[in-house]
């Protein structure tokens, strides 16, 4: 069964996603980041502008089959198109389709966006109602 974790109180969800991607790549894990296209476009630019020593190799669905298979981080609107299924990071507002095929699902929740926080509560209820044990990480307490 997929391990589900919520990372709460992110001051900047996209900056957190960049750091999370860097950490997973350094741990030799593969990551799929799911979000709407405008969010993925912004995240793509942010990943390209990280410091050279923090670079995270990544691509989107338009990368072609060989690049998708080789990329440790893949940005997708639909995670069911993922070439690998280690970790799924959800930046979208809905339960991601096909999340059950991943070993881990991480939901990132804003510190200040009340609509995002309400959406996270709805997703939490969805996972809990289906028997998923949820791990809670408060990012404020980790500072």
N, C-alpha and C. Protein backbone atom coordinates (compact mmCIF):
# COMPACT_ATOMS: atom_id res chain seq x y z
N UNK A 1 0.85 -1.18 0.00
CA UNK A 1 0.00 0.00 0.00
C UNK A 1 0.89 1.24 0.00
N UNK A 2 0.50 2.22 -0.73
CA UNK A 2 1.23 3.49 -0.84
C UNK A 2 1.37 4.16 0.53
N UNK A 3 2.58 4.62 0.84
CA UNK A 3 2.80 5.40 2.05
C UNK A 3 2.41 6.84 1.74
N UNK A 4 1.51 7.41 2.53
CA UNK A 4 1.02 8.77 2.30
C UNK A 4 1.55 9.67 3.40
N UNK A 5 2.13 10.81 3.00
CA UNK A 5 2.64 11.78 3.96
C UNK A 5 2.17 13.18 3.57
N UNK A 6 1.84 13.97 4.56
CA UNK A 6 1.49 15.38 4.36
C UNK A 6 2.59 16.22 4.98
N UNK A 7 3.14 17.14 4.19
CA UNK A 7 4.15 18.08 4.67
C UNK A 7 3.45 19.43 4.79
N UNK A 8 3.13 19.81 6.03
CA UNK A 8 2.34 21.00 6.32
C UNK A 8 3.20 22.24 6.53
N UNK A 9 2.57 23.39 6.31
CA UNK A 9 3.13 24.70 6.64
C UNK A 9 4.33 25.09 5.78
N UNK A 10 4.27 24.76 4.50
CA UNK A 10 5.32 25.18 3.57
C UNK A 10 5.13 26.66 3.28
N UNK A 11 6.13 27.50 3.57
CA UNK A 11 5.99 28.93 3.28
C UNK A 11 5.90 29.20 1.78
N UNK A 12 6.57 28.38 0.98
CA UNK A 12 6.56 28.51 -0.48
C UNK A 12 6.58 27.09 -1.03
N UNK A 13 5.43 26.62 -1.53
CA UNK A 13 5.31 25.23 -1.96
C UNK A 13 6.28 24.88 -3.09
N UNK A 14 6.49 25.79 -4.02
CA UNK A 14 7.37 25.49 -5.15
C UNK A 14 8.84 25.45 -4.72
N UNK A 15 9.24 26.37 -3.86
CA UNK A 15 10.61 26.33 -3.35
C UNK A 15 10.83 25.05 -2.56
N UNK A 16 9.83 24.65 -1.80
CA UNK A 16 9.93 23.40 -1.06
C UNK A 16 10.04 22.21 -2.01
N UNK A 17 9.27 22.23 -3.08
CA UNK A 17 9.33 21.14 -4.07
C UNK A 17 10.73 21.04 -4.68
N UNK A 18 11.36 22.17 -4.94
CA UNK A 18 12.74 22.15 -5.47
C UNK A 18 13.70 21.51 -4.49
N UNK A 19 13.61 21.89 -3.22
CA UNK A 19 14.50 21.32 -2.20
C UNK A 19 14.22 19.83 -2.02
N UNK A 20 12.94 19.47 -2.04
CA UNK A 20 12.55 18.07 -1.89
C UNK A 20 13.10 17.24 -3.04
N UNK A 21 12.98 17.76 -4.26
CA UNK A 21 13.51 17.06 -5.44
C UNK A 21 15.01 16.87 -5.32
N UNK A 22 15.72 17.92 -4.92
CA UNK A 22 17.18 17.83 -4.75
C UNK A 22 17.54 16.76 -3.74
N UNK A 23 16.83 16.73 -2.63
CA UNK A 23 17.10 15.75 -1.58
C UNK A 23 16.86 14.33 -2.07
N UNK A 24 15.76 14.10 -2.78
CA UNK A 24 15.47 12.75 -3.26
C UNK A 24 16.49 12.29 -4.30
N UNK A 25 16.86 13.18 -5.21
CA UNK A 25 17.84 12.81 -6.23
C UNK A 25 19.17 12.45 -5.57
N UNK A 26 19.54 13.20 -4.57
CA UNK A 26 20.80 12.89 -3.85
C UNK A 26 20.71 11.57 -3.10
N UNK A 27 19.48 11.11 -2.82
CA UNK A 27 19.27 9.83 -2.15
C UNK A 27 19.03 8.70 -3.16
N UNK A 28 19.24 9.00 -4.43
CA UNK A 28 19.05 8.02 -5.52
C UNK A 28 17.62 7.52 -5.64
N UNK A 29 16.66 8.37 -5.31
CA UNK A 29 15.25 8.04 -5.51
C UNK A 29 14.74 8.82 -6.73
N UNK A 30 13.71 8.30 -7.33
CA UNK A 30 13.12 8.95 -8.50
C UNK A 30 11.79 9.57 -8.09
N UNK A 31 11.50 10.74 -8.66
CA UNK A 31 10.37 11.55 -8.23
C UNK A 31 9.52 11.97 -9.42
N UNK A 32 8.22 11.90 -9.23
CA UNK A 32 7.26 12.49 -10.16
C UNK A 32 6.57 13.62 -9.40
N UNK A 33 6.53 14.79 -10.02
CA UNK A 33 5.82 15.93 -9.41
C UNK A 33 4.59 16.19 -10.25
N UNK A 34 3.42 16.11 -9.61
CA UNK A 34 2.15 16.31 -10.30
C UNK A 34 1.56 17.66 -9.91
N UNK A 35 1.11 18.39 -10.93
CA UNK A 35 0.49 19.71 -10.71
C UNK A 35 -0.15 20.15 -12.02
N UNK A 36 -0.98 21.19 -11.97
CA UNK A 36 -1.49 21.78 -13.21
C UNK A 36 -0.35 22.37 -14.04
N UNK A 37 -0.55 22.47 -15.34
CA UNK A 37 0.49 22.94 -16.28
C UNK A 37 1.13 24.26 -15.88
N UNK A 38 0.38 25.30 -15.49
CA UNK A 38 1.04 26.57 -15.13
C UNK A 38 2.00 26.42 -13.94
N UNK A 39 1.64 25.59 -12.98
CA UNK A 39 2.51 25.35 -11.83
C UNK A 39 3.76 24.61 -12.27
N UNK A 40 3.58 23.61 -13.14
CA UNK A 40 4.74 22.85 -13.63
C UNK A 40 5.68 23.74 -14.43
N UNK A 41 5.14 24.66 -15.21
CA UNK A 41 5.97 25.59 -15.98
C UNK A 41 6.83 26.45 -15.05
N UNK A 42 6.22 26.97 -14.00
CA UNK A 42 6.96 27.78 -13.03
C UNK A 42 8.01 26.93 -12.31
N UNK A 43 7.61 25.74 -11.90
CA UNK A 43 8.54 24.85 -11.21
C UNK A 43 9.71 24.48 -12.13
N UNK A 44 9.45 24.22 -13.39
CA UNK A 44 10.51 23.91 -14.35
C UNK A 44 11.54 25.03 -14.39
N UNK A 45 11.06 26.28 -14.49
CA UNK A 45 11.97 27.43 -14.51
C UNK A 45 12.77 27.53 -13.22
N UNK A 46 12.12 27.27 -12.08
CA UNK A 46 12.81 27.33 -10.80
C UNK A 46 13.90 26.26 -10.71
N UNK A 47 13.61 25.07 -11.18
CA UNK A 47 14.60 24.00 -11.14
C UNK A 47 15.80 24.33 -12.02
N UNK A 48 15.55 24.97 -13.18
CA UNK A 48 16.66 25.35 -14.07
C UNK A 48 17.51 26.47 -13.48
N UNK A 49 16.94 27.26 -12.58
CA UNK A 49 17.67 28.39 -12.02
C UNK A 49 18.28 28.12 -10.65
N UNK A 50 18.29 26.86 -10.23
CA UNK A 50 18.96 26.53 -8.98
C UNK A 50 20.47 26.67 -9.18
N UNK A 51 21.18 26.83 -8.10
CA UNK A 51 22.64 26.95 -8.17
C UNK A 51 23.22 25.71 -8.86
N UNK A 52 24.32 25.87 -9.58
CA UNK A 52 24.90 24.73 -10.32
C UNK A 52 25.14 23.49 -9.45
N UNK A 53 25.58 23.68 -8.22
CA UNK A 53 25.83 22.53 -7.35
C UNK A 53 24.54 21.89 -6.83
N UNK A 54 23.40 22.57 -7.02
CA UNK A 54 22.10 22.04 -6.60
C UNK A 54 21.25 21.56 -7.77
N UNK A 55 21.83 21.53 -8.98
CA UNK A 55 21.05 21.20 -10.17
C UNK A 55 20.30 19.87 -10.01
N UNK A 56 19.05 19.87 -10.46
CA UNK A 56 18.21 18.67 -10.43
C UNK A 56 17.81 18.36 -11.87
N UNK A 57 18.31 17.25 -12.40
CA UNK A 57 17.93 16.83 -13.75
C UNK A 57 16.45 16.48 -13.76
N UNK A 58 15.73 17.01 -14.73
CA UNK A 58 14.29 16.79 -14.78
C UNK A 58 13.79 16.98 -16.20
N UNK A 59 12.56 16.53 -16.45
CA UNK A 59 11.91 16.77 -17.74
C UNK A 59 10.40 16.68 -17.56
N UNK A 60 9.69 17.06 -18.60
CA UNK A 60 8.25 16.94 -18.63
C UNK A 60 7.84 15.86 -19.62
N UNK A 61 6.56 15.70 -19.81
CA UNK A 61 6.03 14.66 -20.68
C UNK A 61 6.50 14.83 -22.13
N UNK A 62 6.84 16.04 -22.51
CA UNK A 62 7.29 16.30 -23.88
C UNK A 62 8.74 15.89 -24.11
N UNK A 63 9.39 15.33 -23.09
CA UNK A 63 10.79 14.94 -23.19
C UNK A 63 11.04 13.71 -24.04
N UNK A 64 10.02 12.97 -24.39
CA UNK A 64 10.20 11.76 -25.16
C UNK A 64 10.50 10.57 -24.27
N UNK A 65 10.26 9.35 -24.76
CA UNK A 65 10.37 8.15 -23.92
C UNK A 65 11.76 7.92 -23.31
N UNK A 66 12.82 8.15 -24.08
CA UNK A 66 14.17 7.91 -23.56
C UNK A 66 14.53 8.89 -22.45
N UNK A 67 14.22 10.16 -22.67
CA UNK A 67 14.51 11.17 -21.66
C UNK A 67 13.66 10.95 -20.41
N UNK A 68 12.38 10.63 -20.59
CA UNK A 68 11.52 10.35 -19.45
C UNK A 68 12.06 9.19 -18.61
N UNK A 69 12.50 8.14 -19.28
CA UNK A 69 13.02 6.97 -18.57
C UNK A 69 14.31 7.29 -17.82
N UNK A 70 15.11 8.20 -18.36
CA UNK A 70 16.41 8.52 -17.76
C UNK A 70 16.33 9.59 -16.69
N UNK A 71 15.29 10.41 -16.69
CA UNK A 71 15.20 11.55 -15.76
C UNK A 71 14.80 11.11 -14.36
N UNK A 72 15.56 11.54 -13.36
CA UNK A 72 15.20 11.18 -11.99
C UNK A 72 13.98 11.95 -11.48
N UNK A 73 13.69 13.10 -12.11
CA UNK A 73 12.53 13.90 -11.73
C UNK A 73 11.72 14.19 -12.99
N UNK A 74 10.43 13.86 -12.93
CA UNK A 74 9.54 14.07 -14.07
C UNK A 74 8.37 14.93 -13.61
N UNK A 75 8.08 15.98 -14.38
CA UNK A 75 6.97 16.90 -14.09
C UNK A 75 5.79 16.52 -14.97
N UNK A 76 4.66 16.17 -14.36
CA UNK A 76 3.50 15.68 -15.11
C UNK A 76 2.19 16.25 -14.57
N UNK A 77 1.29 16.53 -15.47
CA UNK A 77 -0.07 16.86 -15.03
C UNK A 77 -0.79 15.60 -14.58
N UNK A 78 -0.55 14.50 -15.29
CA UNK A 78 -1.22 13.22 -15.01
C UNK A 78 -0.17 12.19 -14.60
N UNK A 79 -0.07 11.87 -13.31
CA UNK A 79 0.96 10.94 -12.86
C UNK A 79 0.79 9.52 -13.40
N UNK A 80 -0.36 9.22 -14.00
CA UNK A 80 -0.53 7.90 -14.61
C UNK A 80 0.39 7.71 -15.81
N UNK A 81 0.98 8.80 -16.31
CA UNK A 81 1.92 8.74 -17.43
C UNK A 81 3.36 8.56 -16.97
N UNK A 82 3.57 8.37 -15.69
CA UNK A 82 4.91 8.32 -15.12
C UNK A 82 5.70 7.10 -15.59
N UNK A 83 7.00 7.31 -15.88
CA UNK A 83 7.84 6.20 -16.29
C UNK A 83 8.39 5.40 -15.09
N UNK A 84 8.29 5.95 -13.90
CA UNK A 84 8.73 5.26 -12.69
C UNK A 84 7.78 5.62 -11.56
N UNK A 85 7.81 4.83 -10.47
CA UNK A 85 6.79 4.96 -9.42
C UNK A 85 7.36 4.89 -8.01
N UNK A 86 8.50 5.56 -7.80
CA UNK A 86 9.06 5.60 -6.45
C UNK A 86 8.26 6.56 -5.56
N UNK A 87 8.35 7.86 -5.88
CA UNK A 87 7.73 8.90 -5.05
C UNK A 87 6.94 9.84 -5.94
N UNK A 88 5.74 10.17 -5.50
CA UNK A 88 4.88 11.15 -6.17
C UNK A 88 4.70 12.33 -5.23
N UNK A 89 5.05 13.52 -5.70
CA UNK A 89 4.85 14.77 -4.94
C UNK A 89 3.68 15.49 -5.58
N UNK A 90 2.60 15.67 -4.84
CA UNK A 90 1.41 16.32 -5.38
C UNK A 90 1.37 17.79 -5.00
N UNK A 91 1.38 18.65 -6.03
CA UNK A 91 1.22 20.09 -5.82
C UNK A 91 -0.13 20.57 -6.32
N UNK A 92 -0.96 19.65 -6.76
CA UNK A 92 -2.28 19.98 -7.27
C UNK A 92 -3.31 20.04 -6.15
N UNK A 93 -4.50 20.45 -6.50
CA UNK A 93 -5.56 20.60 -5.52
C UNK A 93 -6.45 19.39 -5.35
N UNK A 94 -6.23 18.36 -6.17
CA UNK A 94 -7.07 17.17 -6.13
C UNK A 94 -6.22 15.95 -5.78
N UNK A 95 -6.90 14.86 -5.41
CA UNK A 95 -6.22 13.58 -5.23
C UNK A 95 -5.67 13.18 -6.60
N UNK A 96 -4.37 12.93 -6.71
CA UNK A 96 -3.81 12.60 -8.02
C UNK A 96 -4.25 11.22 -8.50
N UNK A 97 -4.67 11.16 -9.75
CA UNK A 97 -5.08 9.90 -10.36
C UNK A 97 -3.89 8.95 -10.38
N UNK A 98 -4.12 7.70 -10.03
CA UNK A 98 -3.08 6.70 -10.10
C UNK A 98 -2.06 6.74 -8.98
N UNK A 99 -2.33 7.49 -7.91
CA UNK A 99 -1.35 7.61 -6.83
C UNK A 99 -1.03 6.26 -6.20
N UNK A 100 -1.96 5.32 -6.26
CA UNK A 100 -1.78 4.01 -5.64
C UNK A 100 -0.70 3.16 -6.29
N UNK A 101 -0.22 3.58 -7.47
CA UNK A 101 0.85 2.82 -8.13
C UNK A 101 2.23 3.26 -7.65
N UNK A 102 2.30 4.28 -6.80
CA UNK A 102 3.56 4.79 -6.29
C UNK A 102 3.86 4.20 -4.91
N UNK A 103 5.14 4.03 -4.60
CA UNK A 103 5.53 3.55 -3.28
C UNK A 103 5.20 4.59 -2.22
N UNK A 104 5.42 5.89 -2.56
CA UNK A 104 5.15 6.98 -1.62
C UNK A 104 4.42 8.11 -2.32
N UNK A 105 3.53 8.75 -1.58
CA UNK A 105 2.84 9.97 -2.03
C UNK A 105 3.10 11.03 -0.98
N UNK A 106 3.55 12.20 -1.43
CA UNK A 106 3.77 13.33 -0.52
C UNK A 106 2.88 14.48 -0.97
N UNK A 107 2.08 14.98 -0.06
CA UNK A 107 1.23 16.14 -0.28
C UNK A 107 1.88 17.33 0.41
N UNK A 108 2.07 18.42 -0.31
CA UNK A 108 2.66 19.63 0.27
C UNK A 108 1.53 20.63 0.51
N UNK A 109 1.49 21.20 1.72
CA UNK A 109 0.40 22.08 2.12
C UNK A 109 0.96 23.44 2.51
N UNK A 110 0.39 24.49 1.97
CA UNK A 110 0.82 25.86 2.22
C UNK A 110 0.65 26.26 3.68
N UNK A 111 1.51 27.15 4.11
CA UNK A 111 1.40 27.70 5.46
C UNK A 111 0.31 28.76 5.56
N UNK A 112 0.02 29.44 4.44
CA UNK A 112 -0.86 30.61 4.54
C UNK A 112 -2.05 30.61 3.59
N UNK A 113 -2.07 29.77 2.58
CA UNK A 113 -3.17 29.76 1.61
C UNK A 113 -4.31 28.90 2.14
N UNK A 114 -5.37 29.55 2.61
CA UNK A 114 -6.45 28.82 3.25
C UNK A 114 -7.18 27.88 2.29
N UNK A 115 -7.31 28.24 1.03
CA UNK A 115 -7.95 27.33 0.06
C UNK A 115 -7.10 26.07 -0.12
N UNK A 116 -5.79 26.25 -0.15
CA UNK A 116 -4.90 25.09 -0.27
C UNK A 116 -5.01 24.21 0.98
N UNK A 117 -5.08 24.82 2.12
CA UNK A 117 -5.18 24.06 3.37
C UNK A 117 -6.50 23.31 3.43
N UNK A 118 -7.58 23.93 2.96
CA UNK A 118 -8.88 23.26 2.95
C UNK A 118 -8.87 22.07 1.98
N UNK A 119 -8.25 22.27 0.82
CA UNK A 119 -8.12 21.17 -0.14
C UNK A 119 -7.33 20.01 0.44
N UNK A 120 -6.29 20.33 1.21
CA UNK A 120 -5.49 19.29 1.86
C UNK A 120 -6.32 18.50 2.86
N UNK A 121 -7.18 19.20 3.58
CA UNK A 121 -8.05 18.50 4.54
C UNK A 121 -8.96 17.51 3.81
N UNK A 122 -9.48 17.93 2.66
CA UNK A 122 -10.34 17.06 1.86
C UNK A 122 -9.56 15.83 1.37
N UNK A 123 -8.33 16.06 0.89
CA UNK A 123 -7.51 14.94 0.42
C UNK A 123 -7.16 14.01 1.58
N UNK A 124 -6.85 14.58 2.73
CA UNK A 124 -6.55 13.78 3.92
C UNK A 124 -7.73 12.84 4.22
N UNK A 125 -8.93 13.40 4.23
CA UNK A 125 -10.12 12.58 4.50
C UNK A 125 -10.27 11.47 3.46
N UNK A 126 -9.97 11.79 2.21
CA UNK A 126 -10.05 10.80 1.13
C UNK A 126 -9.11 9.62 1.42
N UNK A 127 -7.85 9.92 1.72
CA UNK A 127 -6.88 8.85 1.97
C UNK A 127 -7.23 8.07 3.24
N UNK A 128 -7.55 8.79 4.31
CA UNK A 128 -7.88 8.13 5.58
C UNK A 128 -9.12 7.25 5.43
N UNK A 129 -10.10 7.73 4.68
CA UNK A 129 -11.33 6.97 4.46
C UNK A 129 -11.11 5.69 3.68
N UNK A 130 -9.98 5.60 3.01
CA UNK A 130 -9.66 4.39 2.23
C UNK A 130 -8.61 3.52 2.93
N UNK A 131 -8.35 3.86 4.19
CA UNK A 131 -7.49 3.01 5.00
C UNK A 131 -6.00 3.31 4.93
N UNK A 132 -5.63 4.41 4.28
CA UNK A 132 -4.21 4.76 4.23
C UNK A 132 -3.79 5.34 5.57
N UNK A 133 -2.66 4.86 6.07
CA UNK A 133 -2.09 5.44 7.28
C UNK A 133 -1.30 6.67 6.84
N UNK A 134 -1.55 7.80 7.45
CA UNK A 134 -0.96 9.06 7.00
C UNK A 134 0.11 9.54 7.99
N UNK A 135 1.27 9.89 7.43
CA UNK A 135 2.36 10.44 8.22
C UNK A 135 2.28 11.96 8.09
N UNK A 136 2.40 12.64 9.22
CA UNK A 136 2.29 14.11 9.24
C UNK A 136 3.65 14.72 9.55
N UNK A 137 4.10 15.65 8.69
CA UNK A 137 5.35 16.37 8.90
C UNK A 137 5.03 17.87 8.95
N UNK A 138 5.24 18.49 10.10
CA UNK A 138 5.03 19.93 10.23
C UNK A 138 6.34 20.62 9.92
N UNK A 139 6.41 21.34 8.81
CA UNK A 139 7.65 21.97 8.37
C UNK A 139 8.08 23.11 9.27
N UNK A 140 7.17 23.70 10.00
CA UNK A 140 7.51 24.78 10.94
C UNK A 140 8.32 24.22 12.10
N UNK A 141 7.97 23.04 12.57
CA UNK A 141 8.67 22.42 13.69
C UNK A 141 10.06 21.94 13.31
N UNK A 142 10.35 21.80 12.01
CA UNK A 142 11.65 21.27 11.56
C UNK A 142 12.70 22.36 11.44
N UNK A 143 12.37 23.59 11.62
CA UNK A 143 13.34 24.68 11.46
C UNK A 143 14.35 24.72 12.53
